[in-house]
N, C-alpha and C. Protein backbone atom coordinates (compact mmCIF):
# COMPACT_ATOMS: atom_id res chain seq x y z
N MET A 1 3.29 6.20 11.55
CA MET A 1 4.63 6.74 11.15
C MET A 1 5.02 8.51 12.15
N THR A 2 6.42 8.27 11.59
CA THR A 2 7.35 9.05 12.38
C THR A 2 7.41 9.77 11.53
N THR A 3 7.08 11.23 12.52
CA THR A 3 7.52 12.68 11.52
C THR A 3 9.00 13.62 12.07
N PHE A 4 9.50 13.73 10.98
CA PHE A 4 10.63 14.24 11.02
C PHE A 4 10.61 15.85 11.08
N ILE A 5 11.55 16.82 11.28
CA ILE A 5 11.47 18.18 11.04
C ILE A 5 12.87 18.79 9.98
N LYS A 6 12.71 19.52 9.35
CA LYS A 6 13.90 19.78 8.20
C LYS A 6 13.27 20.86 7.87
N ASP A 7 14.43 21.77 7.82
CA ASP A 7 15.01 23.11 7.20
C ASP A 7 14.99 23.23 5.63
N SER A 8 14.40 23.57 5.23
CA SER A 8 13.39 23.96 3.41
C SER A 8 15.15 23.58 2.81
N ALA A 9 16.28 24.34 3.19
CA ALA A 9 17.45 24.78 2.48
C ALA A 9 18.28 23.32 3.71
N ASP A 10 18.03 22.50 4.35
CA ASP A 10 18.76 21.38 4.72
C ASP A 10 19.07 20.30 4.12
N VAL A 11 20.06 19.99 3.38
CA VAL A 11 20.29 18.09 2.80
C VAL A 11 19.94 17.17 3.90
N LYS A 12 19.17 16.05 4.46
CA LYS A 12 19.19 15.61 5.85
C LYS A 12 19.00 13.69 4.94
N ASP A 13 19.38 13.05 5.88
CA ASP A 13 19.73 11.46 5.54
C ASP A 13 18.60 10.76 6.62
N TYR A 14 18.24 10.02 6.37
CA TYR A 14 16.59 8.94 7.26
C TYR A 14 17.09 7.76 6.89
N THR A 15 17.22 7.17 7.70
CA THR A 15 17.81 5.56 7.96
C THR A 15 16.54 4.44 8.23
N LEU A 16 16.32 3.61 7.62
CA LEU A 16 15.14 2.76 8.26
C LEU A 16 16.12 1.13 8.04
N ASN A 17 15.51 0.36 9.22
CA ASN A 17 16.63 -0.95 9.61
C ASN A 17 15.46 -1.28 9.83
N TRP A 18 15.45 -2.34 8.44
CA TRP A 18 14.49 -3.67 8.39
C TRP A 18 15.01 -4.85 8.94
N ALA A 19 15.98 -4.85 9.69
CA ALA A 19 16.28 -6.67 10.31
C ALA A 19 15.05 -7.40 10.29
N ALA A 20 14.29 -6.12 12.08
CA ALA A 20 13.52 -7.21 12.18
C ALA A 20 12.69 -7.66 11.71
N ARG A 21 11.97 -6.97 10.25
CA ARG A 21 10.89 -7.58 9.50
C ARG A 21 11.87 -8.60 8.83
N LEU A 22 12.65 -9.16 8.63
CA LEU A 22 13.45 -9.03 7.42
C LEU A 22 14.02 -11.18 8.00
N GLY A 23 14.14 -10.80 9.14
CA GLY A 23 14.77 -12.14 10.13
C GLY A 23 16.07 -12.08 9.88
N ASP A 24 16.42 -13.35 10.60
CA ASP A 24 18.20 -14.11 10.20
C ASP A 24 18.21 -14.47 9.16
N THR A 25 17.74 -14.76 8.35
CA THR A 25 18.32 -15.36 6.76
C THR A 25 17.71 -13.97 5.92
N ASP A 26 17.27 -13.54 6.02
CA ASP A 26 16.27 -12.85 4.83
C ASP A 26 17.02 -11.24 4.55
N THR A 27 17.47 -10.31 3.14
CA THR A 27 17.95 -9.95 2.75
C THR A 27 17.02 -8.90 2.07
N ILE A 28 17.20 -7.38 1.83
CA ILE A 28 17.15 -6.29 1.27
C ILE A 28 17.50 -7.10 -0.67
N SER A 29 16.58 -7.08 -1.37
CA SER A 29 17.36 -7.67 -2.51
C SER A 29 16.81 -6.13 -3.55
N THR A 30 16.06 -5.47 -3.35
CA THR A 30 15.61 -3.96 -4.43
C THR A 30 15.27 -3.03 -3.00
N SER A 31 15.54 -2.07 -3.39
CA SER A 31 14.98 -0.65 -2.46
C SER A 31 14.10 0.88 -3.62
N VAL A 32 13.49 1.01 -3.39
CA VAL A 32 13.27 1.94 -3.77
C VAL A 32 12.03 3.32 -3.57
N TRP A 33 12.77 4.31 -3.43
CA TRP A 33 12.02 5.76 -2.81
C TRP A 33 11.36 6.50 -3.23
N THR A 34 10.09 6.33 -3.15
CA THR A 34 9.39 7.71 -3.66
C THR A 34 9.01 8.75 -2.76
N ALA A 35 8.40 10.12 -3.64
CA ALA A 35 8.31 11.54 -2.50
C ALA A 35 7.32 12.44 -2.94
N THR A 36 6.21 12.77 -2.29
CA THR A 36 5.06 13.39 -2.61
C THR A 36 6.11 14.88 -3.04
N ASP A 37 5.37 15.76 -4.07
CA ASP A 37 5.84 16.71 -5.06
C ASP A 37 6.29 17.31 -4.29
N GLY A 38 7.73 18.42 -3.93
CA GLY A 38 8.88 19.51 -3.57
C GLY A 38 9.33 18.71 -2.89
N LEU A 39 9.12 17.43 -2.25
CA LEU A 39 10.58 16.46 -1.56
C LEU A 39 11.49 16.22 -2.63
N THR A 40 12.76 16.60 -2.61
CA THR A 40 13.52 15.51 -3.54
C THR A 40 14.52 14.81 -2.96
N ILE A 41 14.19 13.29 -4.04
CA ILE A 41 15.73 12.84 -3.36
C ILE A 41 17.05 12.81 -3.80
N ASP A 42 17.56 13.24 -3.49
CA ASP A 42 18.76 13.77 -3.56
C ASP A 42 20.06 11.99 -4.09
N ILE A 43 20.25 11.41 -2.97
CA ILE A 43 20.32 10.47 -3.32
C ILE A 43 19.87 8.88 -1.93
N ASP A 44 19.69 7.53 -2.28
CA ASP A 44 19.49 6.79 -1.99
C ASP A 44 20.08 5.07 -2.21
N THR A 45 20.31 4.53 -0.87
CA THR A 45 21.08 3.97 -0.82
C THR A 45 20.69 2.24 -0.09
N ASN A 46 21.50 1.31 -0.02
CA ASN A 46 21.09 0.65 0.78
C ASN A 46 21.76 -1.06 1.13
N THR A 47 22.00 -1.73 3.01
CA THR A 47 22.78 -2.31 2.72
C THR A 47 22.13 -3.00 2.99
N ASP A 48 21.95 -5.08 3.09
CA ASP A 48 21.39 -6.14 3.09
C ASP A 48 20.37 -6.38 4.29
N THR A 49 20.22 -4.88 5.26
CA THR A 49 19.13 -4.85 5.86
C THR A 49 18.61 -3.12 6.25
N THR A 50 19.31 -2.69 5.72
CA THR A 50 19.10 -1.23 6.46
C THR A 50 18.97 -0.50 4.77
N THR A 51 17.87 0.94 4.84
CA THR A 51 17.67 1.87 3.28
C THR A 51 18.05 3.51 3.81
N THR A 52 18.55 4.24 3.55
CA THR A 52 19.21 5.63 3.23
C THR A 52 17.93 6.34 2.49
N VAL A 53 18.02 7.00 2.35
CA VAL A 53 17.84 8.42 1.41
C VAL A 53 18.31 9.70 1.86
N TRP A 54 18.68 9.85 0.63
CA TRP A 54 18.54 11.97 1.05
C TRP A 54 17.85 13.05 1.02
N LEU A 55 17.39 13.51 1.56
CA LEU A 55 16.14 14.35 1.15
C LEU A 55 16.75 15.84 1.14
N SER A 56 15.70 16.44 -0.05
CA SER A 56 16.11 17.88 0.27
C SER A 56 15.24 18.47 -0.05
N GLY A 57 14.85 20.28 -0.09
CA GLY A 57 13.82 20.89 -0.65
C GLY A 57 13.02 21.12 0.47
N GLY A 58 11.88 21.44 -0.13
CA GLY A 58 9.93 21.12 0.97
C GLY A 58 10.19 23.10 1.03
N THR A 59 9.00 23.01 1.02
CA THR A 59 8.35 24.53 1.55
C THR A 59 8.05 24.33 3.36
N ARG A 60 8.78 25.97 4.17
CA ARG A 60 8.21 25.83 4.92
C ARG A 60 6.86 26.25 5.58
N GLY A 61 6.01 25.37 6.24
CA GLY A 61 5.33 24.83 6.84
C GLY A 61 4.64 24.01 6.28
N ARG A 62 5.08 23.29 5.25
CA ARG A 62 4.15 21.93 5.06
C ARG A 62 4.97 21.05 5.03
N SER A 63 4.28 19.38 4.90
CA SER A 63 4.60 18.02 5.53
C SER A 63 4.57 17.67 4.15
N TYR A 64 5.83 16.57 3.96
CA TYR A 64 5.84 15.96 2.60
C TYR A 64 5.97 14.17 3.31
N THR A 65 5.37 13.31 2.84
CA THR A 65 5.53 12.36 2.66
C THR A 65 6.47 11.49 1.88
N ALA A 66 7.65 10.51 2.65
CA ALA A 66 8.36 9.52 1.84
C ALA A 66 7.87 8.47 1.73
N PHE A 67 7.56 7.65 0.95
CA PHE A 67 7.94 5.85 0.85
C PHE A 67 9.31 5.32 0.27
N ASN A 68 9.26 4.41 1.29
CA ASN A 68 10.37 3.34 0.93
C ASN A 68 9.53 1.90 0.95
N THR A 69 9.75 1.10 -0.21
CA THR A 69 9.36 0.21 -0.69
C THR A 69 10.59 -0.83 -0.81
N ILE A 70 10.53 -1.66 -0.11
CA ILE A 70 11.45 -3.35 0.07
C ILE A 70 11.28 -4.04 -0.43
N VAL A 71 11.90 -5.00 -1.58
CA VAL A 71 11.82 -6.49 -1.87
C VAL A 71 12.85 -7.29 -1.19
N SER A 72 12.64 -8.14 -0.30
CA SER A 72 13.47 -8.98 0.41
C SER A 72 13.83 -10.40 -1.26
N THR A 73 15.42 -10.69 -0.65
CA THR A 73 15.40 -11.92 -1.18
C THR A 73 14.85 -12.87 -1.70
N GLU A 74 13.76 -12.98 -0.19
CA GLU A 74 13.28 -13.98 -0.19
C GLU A 74 11.94 -13.97 -0.32
N GLY A 75 11.86 -12.60 -1.32
CA GLY A 75 10.34 -12.17 -2.17
C GLY A 75 9.10 -11.71 -1.42
N ARG A 76 9.90 -11.00 -0.37
CA ARG A 76 8.40 -10.36 0.63
C ARG A 76 8.65 -9.25 0.24
N SER A 77 7.55 -7.98 0.56
CA SER A 77 7.29 -7.16 -0.22
C SER A 77 7.03 -5.66 1.75
N TRP A 78 8.00 -4.36 1.68
CA TRP A 78 7.36 -3.69 2.43
C TRP A 78 6.99 -2.40 1.98
N THR A 79 6.45 -2.28 2.60
CA THR A 79 6.64 -0.41 2.35
C THR A 79 5.90 0.34 3.68
N LEU A 80 7.35 1.52 3.56
CA LEU A 80 7.19 2.96 5.39
C LEU A 80 6.94 3.92 4.89
N ALA A 81 6.49 4.23 5.66
CA ALA A 81 6.50 6.32 5.03
C ALA A 81 6.77 6.81 6.03
N LEU A 82 7.69 7.99 5.86
CA LEU A 82 8.24 9.10 6.30
C LEU A 82 7.44 10.44 6.63
N THR A 83 7.25 10.82 7.80
CA THR A 83 6.24 12.31 7.16
C THR A 83 7.80 13.26 7.79
N ILE A 84 7.77 14.00 6.43
CA ILE A 84 9.37 15.72 7.15
C ILE A 84 8.79 16.66 6.73
N ALA A 85 8.39 16.97 8.07
CA ALA A 85 7.87 18.11 8.11
C ALA A 85 8.58 19.67 8.13
N VAL A 86 8.21 20.85 7.28
CA VAL A 86 9.48 21.70 6.48
C VAL A 86 9.60 22.30 7.90
N GLN A 87 10.13 23.18 8.34
CA GLN A 87 10.48 24.58 9.38
C GLN A 87 11.72 24.67 9.58
N VAL A 88 10.86 25.81 10.12
CA VAL A 88 12.61 26.67 10.38
C VAL A 88 13.21 25.97 11.61
N VAL A 89 14.27 25.70 11.27
CA VAL A 89 15.39 25.24 12.76
C VAL A 89 16.21 25.91 13.54
N ALA A 90 15.98 25.83 14.21
CA ALA A 90 16.90 26.92 15.12
C ALA A 90 18.23 26.25 14.96
N ALA A 91 19.41 26.96 14.42
CA ALA A 91 20.53 26.24 15.08
C ALA A 91 21.03 26.37 16.05
């Protein structure tokens, strides 16, 4: 699991590339993002091989988890998690 850092005031996008798992012929059919309480999902989109979520909120000093579950056109299902650490980010 990868940890990303954001400021509580930031609205940031995070993209997952599923191409290696999908192989040459499979594509993403559905994508669902969920997040632990305190982290807000503003927008989520997907292409045939990637998923993107825009996250906001969080309390400085806390870490949150965002989960992405996809189902492929061939019926496969995977879930990946992102850890989001909320800290003061220097400009």
